[in-house]
Every structure is written in structure tokens, then in C-alpha cells.
Amino acid sequence: MPINIINYTNCKEGEKGEALEHLCDDEWEMPTQITALENWLFV
């Protein structure tokens, strides 16, 4: 299950946010997803 990081800053209700990143497109293991998210946050 991918992790989708979306920026909703300055969006009005019902508007789509700006897609910033898609992590772990084909990864279903939670520890791997957490590690990928941590790495993205610290970049």
C-alpha cells in the first residue's frame, strides 16, 4: 500500500491538494513503510 503525501495548505474544502510524494508503491510491510516515511521526513 503506497504512502501518499499531499499538501492541503491553502486548499478550500472539497479541493484536491498538491501531491508531493508517493512512497512504497508496491510495499505492504509496515516496518518498511515506516522506514521509508522516516527517511523522507529527514531529507
Protein backbone atom coordinates (compact mmCIF):
# COMPACT_ATOMS: atom_id res chain seq x y z
CA MET A 1 0.00 0.00 0.00
CA PRO A 2 1.59 3.28 -1.01
CA ILE A 3 2.07 6.26 1.23
CA ASN A 4 0.72 9.38 -0.47
CA ILE A 5 1.94 12.70 0.88
CA ILE A 6 -0.34 15.55 -0.12
CA ASN A 7 -0.15 19.26 0.66
CA TYR A 8 -3.54 20.68 1.58
CA THR A 9 -2.19 24.11 2.56
CA ASN A 10 -4.46 26.91 1.31
CA CYS A 11 -6.99 24.45 -0.15
CA LYS A 12 -10.63 25.20 0.24
CA GLU A 13 -12.95 22.46 1.45
CA GLY A 14 -13.53 19.88 -1.27
CA GLU A 15 -10.44 20.86 -3.29
CA LYS A 16 -7.70 18.39 -4.06
CA GLY A 17 -4.32 19.02 -2.56
CA GLU A 18 -0.99 19.04 -4.34
CA ALA A 19 0.66 15.61 -4.50
CA LEU A 20 4.16 15.88 -3.08
CA GLU A 21 5.41 12.32 -2.94
CA HIS A 22 4.38 8.69 -3.36
CA LEU A 23 6.36 6.24 -1.26
CA CYS A 24 6.37 2.43 -1.22
CA ASP A 25 4.18 1.86 -4.27
CA ASP A 26 4.41 -1.95 -4.11
CA GLU A 27 5.34 -2.45 -0.45
CA TRP A 28 2.85 -3.89 2.02
CA GLU A 29 5.10 -4.44 5.05
CA MET A 30 4.53 -1.78 7.72
CA PRO A 31 8.15 -1.65 9.03
CA THR A 32 9.43 -0.94 5.52
CA GLN A 33 6.81 1.77 5.02
CA ILE A 34 7.69 3.41 8.34
CA THR A 35 11.37 3.44 7.45
CA ALA A 36 10.65 4.99 4.05
CA LEU A 37 8.48 7.69 5.64
CA GLU A 38 11.13 8.43 8.28
CA ASN A 39 13.78 8.75 5.58
CA TRP A 40 11.56 11.09 3.57
CA LEU A 41 10.88 13.26 6.64
CA PHE A 42 14.58 13.65 7.44
CA VAL A 43 15.66 14.63 3.91
